[in-house]
C-alpha cells in the first residue's frame, strides 16, 4: 500500500473525516505532519500545495488535496487504485 502523508491540526473535523475514510479503505499508517505545532511545516505545506487549509493529503507522490477532494476521488473509484499503486 502507498505511503499516506497528511498535513493536519489537532482540532480539524475535516482531518478526522479524511483519516476515517482512509482507514476504512485499508490504510493502517498515516504519516501526520502537525502544522499547528510547527509553523515551518505549514510554510512547507503551502509551498508544496499552494493551499493554506488542512488537511492536505499525499498518497505516494500524488497530492490528492483536502478532505472533499479525497471523498470525491473515492466516489469516482480512484482512491483504492491510488492506494494500491505502491
C-alpha atoms as a PDB file:
ATOM      1  CA  UNK A   1       0.000   0.000   0.000  1.00  0.00           C
ATOM      2  CA  UNK A   2       1.205   3.503  -0.828  1.00  0.00           C
ATOM      3  CA  UNK A   3       2.569   5.810   1.852  1.00  0.00           C
ATOM      4  CA  UNK A   4      -0.023   8.354   3.009  1.00  0.00           C
ATOM      5  CA  UNK A   5       1.160  11.708   4.332  1.00  0.00           C
ATOM      6  CA  UNK A   6      -1.302  14.218   5.749  1.00  0.00           C
ATOM      7  CA  UNK A   7      -0.781  17.757   6.971  1.00  0.00           C
ATOM      8  CA  UNK A   8      -3.157  18.219   9.930  1.00  0.00           C
ATOM      9  CA  UNK A   9      -4.030  20.158  13.055  1.00  0.00           C
ATOM     10  CA  UNK A  10      -5.359  18.830  16.350  1.00  0.00           C
ATOM     11  CA  UNK A  11      -8.874  20.284  16.130  1.00  0.00           C
ATOM     12  CA  UNK A  12      -9.787  19.771  12.497  1.00  0.00           C
ATOM     13  CA  UNK A  13     -13.011  17.852  11.775  1.00  0.00           C
ATOM     14  CA  UNK A  14     -12.038  17.504   8.107  1.00  0.00           C
ATOM     15  CA  UNK A  15      -8.761  15.862   9.146  1.00  0.00           C
ATOM     16  CA  UNK A  16     -10.668  13.399  11.319  1.00  0.00           C
ATOM     17  CA  UNK A  17     -13.074  12.592   8.472  1.00  0.00           C
ATOM     18  CA  UNK A  18     -10.233  12.091   5.979  1.00  0.00           C
ATOM     19  CA  UNK A  19      -8.396   9.783   8.394  1.00  0.00           C
ATOM     20  CA  UNK A  20     -11.582   7.756   8.953  1.00  0.00           C
ATOM     21  CA  UNK A  21     -12.113   7.299   5.208  1.00  0.00           C
ATOM     22  CA  UNK A  22      -8.505   6.270   4.642  1.00  0.00           C
ATOM     23  CA  UNK A  23      -8.689   3.730   7.465  1.00  0.00           C
ATOM     24  CA  UNK A  24     -11.954   2.361   6.015  1.00  0.00           C
ATOM     25  CA  UNK A  25     -10.064   1.823   2.758  1.00  0.00           C
ATOM     26  CA  UNK A  26      -7.352  -0.187   4.495  1.00  0.00           C
ATOM     27  CA  UNK A  27      -4.715   2.409   5.316  1.00  0.00           C
ATOM     28  CA  UNK A  28      -3.027   1.320   8.530  1.00  0.00           C
ATOM     29  CA  UNK A  29      -0.465   4.102   8.871  1.00  0.00           C
ATOM     30  CA  UNK A  30      -0.833   7.803   8.113  1.00  0.00           C
ATOM     31  CA  UNK A  31       2.235   9.985   8.455  1.00  0.00           C
ATOM     32  CA  UNK A  32       0.742  13.067  10.097  1.00  0.00           C
ATOM     33  CA  UNK A  33       2.507  16.407   9.986  1.00  0.00           C
ATOM     34  CA  UNK A  34       1.003  18.736  12.577  1.00  0.00           C
ATOM     35  CA  UNK A  35       1.157  22.275  11.208  1.00  0.00           C
ATOM     36  CA  UNK A  36      -0.309  23.711  14.417  1.00  0.00           C
ATOM     37  CA  UNK A  37       2.740  22.538  16.374  1.00  0.00           C
ATOM     38  CA  UNK A  38       5.327  23.638  13.827  1.00  0.00           C
ATOM     39  CA  UNK A  39       4.600  26.753  11.724  1.00  0.00           C
ATOM     40  CA  UNK A  40       7.517  25.894   9.416  1.00  0.00           C
ATOM     41  CA  UNK A  41       5.607  22.777   8.373  1.00  0.00           C
ATOM     42  CA  UNK A  42       2.638  24.948   7.323  1.00  0.00           C
ATOM     43  CA  UNK A  43       5.005  27.014   5.189  1.00  0.00           C
ATOM     44  CA  UNK A  44       6.328  23.806   3.617  1.00  0.00           C
ATOM     45  CA  UNK A  45       2.766  22.594   3.012  1.00  0.00           C
ATOM     46  CA  UNK A  46       1.816  25.873   1.364  1.00  0.00           C
ATOM     47  CA  UNK A  47       4.910  25.798  -0.844  1.00  0.00           C
ATOM     48  CA  UNK A  48       4.164  22.204  -1.934  1.00  0.00           C
ATOM     49  CA  UNK A  49       0.412  22.549  -2.470  1.00  0.00           C
ATOM     50  CA  UNK A  50      -0.395  26.222  -2.955  1.00  0.00           C
ATOM     51  CA  UNK A  51      -3.052  25.750  -0.279  1.00  0.00           C
ATOM     52  CA  UNK A  52      -3.314  27.003   3.272  1.00  0.00           C
ATOM     53  CA  UNK A  53      -6.041  24.760   4.711  1.00  0.00           C
ATOM     54  CA  UNK A  54      -5.777  21.322   6.286  1.00  0.00           C
ATOM     55  CA  UNK A  55      -5.884  18.506   5.655  1.00  0.00           C
ATOM     56  CA  UNK A  56      -3.586  18.314   2.675  1.00  0.00           C
ATOM     57  CA  UNK A  57      -3.208  14.692   1.689  1.00  0.00           C
ATOM     58  CA  UNK A  58      -0.472  12.984  -0.295  1.00  0.00           C
ATOM     59  CA  UNK A  59      -0.707   9.381  -1.417  1.00  0.00           C
ATOM     60  CA  UNK A  60       2.744   8.384  -2.532  1.00  0.00           C
ATOM     61  CA  UNK A  61       3.948  11.357  -4.583  1.00  0.00           C
ATOM     62  CA  UNK A  62       0.413  12.360  -5.616  1.00  0.00           C
ATOM     63  CA  UNK A  63      -1.187  15.398  -3.983  1.00  0.00           C
ATOM     64  CA  UNK A  64      -4.824  14.414  -3.543  1.00  0.00           C
ATOM     65  CA  UNK A  65      -5.904  17.696  -1.963  1.00  0.00           C
ATOM     66  CA  UNK A  66      -8.170  18.148   1.023  1.00  0.00           C
ATOM     67  CA  UNK A  67     -10.943  16.104   2.583  1.00  0.00           C
ATOM     68  CA  UNK A  68     -13.537  16.985  -0.072  1.00  0.00           C
ATOM     69  CA  UNK A  69     -11.050  16.062  -2.804  1.00  0.00           C
ATOM     70  CA  UNK A  70     -10.370  12.724  -1.084  1.00  0.00           C
ATOM     71  CA  UNK A  71     -14.084  11.939  -0.819  1.00  0.00           C
ATOM     72  CA  UNK A  72     -14.661  12.868  -4.474  1.00  0.00           C
ATOM     73  CA  UNK A  73     -11.741  10.664  -5.544  1.00  0.00           C
ATOM     74  CA  UNK A  74     -13.198   7.772  -3.552  1.00  0.00           C
ATOM     75  CA  UNK A  75     -16.660   8.258  -5.038  1.00  0.00           C
ATOM     76  CA  UNK A  76     -15.194   8.164  -8.559  1.00  0.00           C
ATOM     77  CA  UNK A  77     -13.429   4.904  -7.733  1.00  0.00           C
ATOM     78  CA  UNK A  78      -9.949   6.396  -7.894  1.00  0.00           C
ATOM     79  CA  UNK A  79      -8.860   6.125  -4.271  1.00  0.00           C
ATOM     80  CA  UNK A  80      -8.279   2.372  -3.959  1.00  0.00           C
ATOM     81  CA  UNK A  81      -6.181   2.098  -7.147  1.00  0.00           C
ATOM     82  CA  UNK A  82      -4.049   5.024  -5.975  1.00  0.00           C
ATOM     83  CA  UNK A  83      -3.574   3.419  -2.559  1.00  0.00           C
ATOM     84  CA  UNK A  84      -2.662   0.072  -4.100  1.00  0.00           C
ATOM     85  CA  UNK A  85      -0.120   1.546  -6.526  1.00  0.00           C
ATOM     86  CA  UNK A  86       2.756   1.251  -4.083  1.00  0.00           C
END
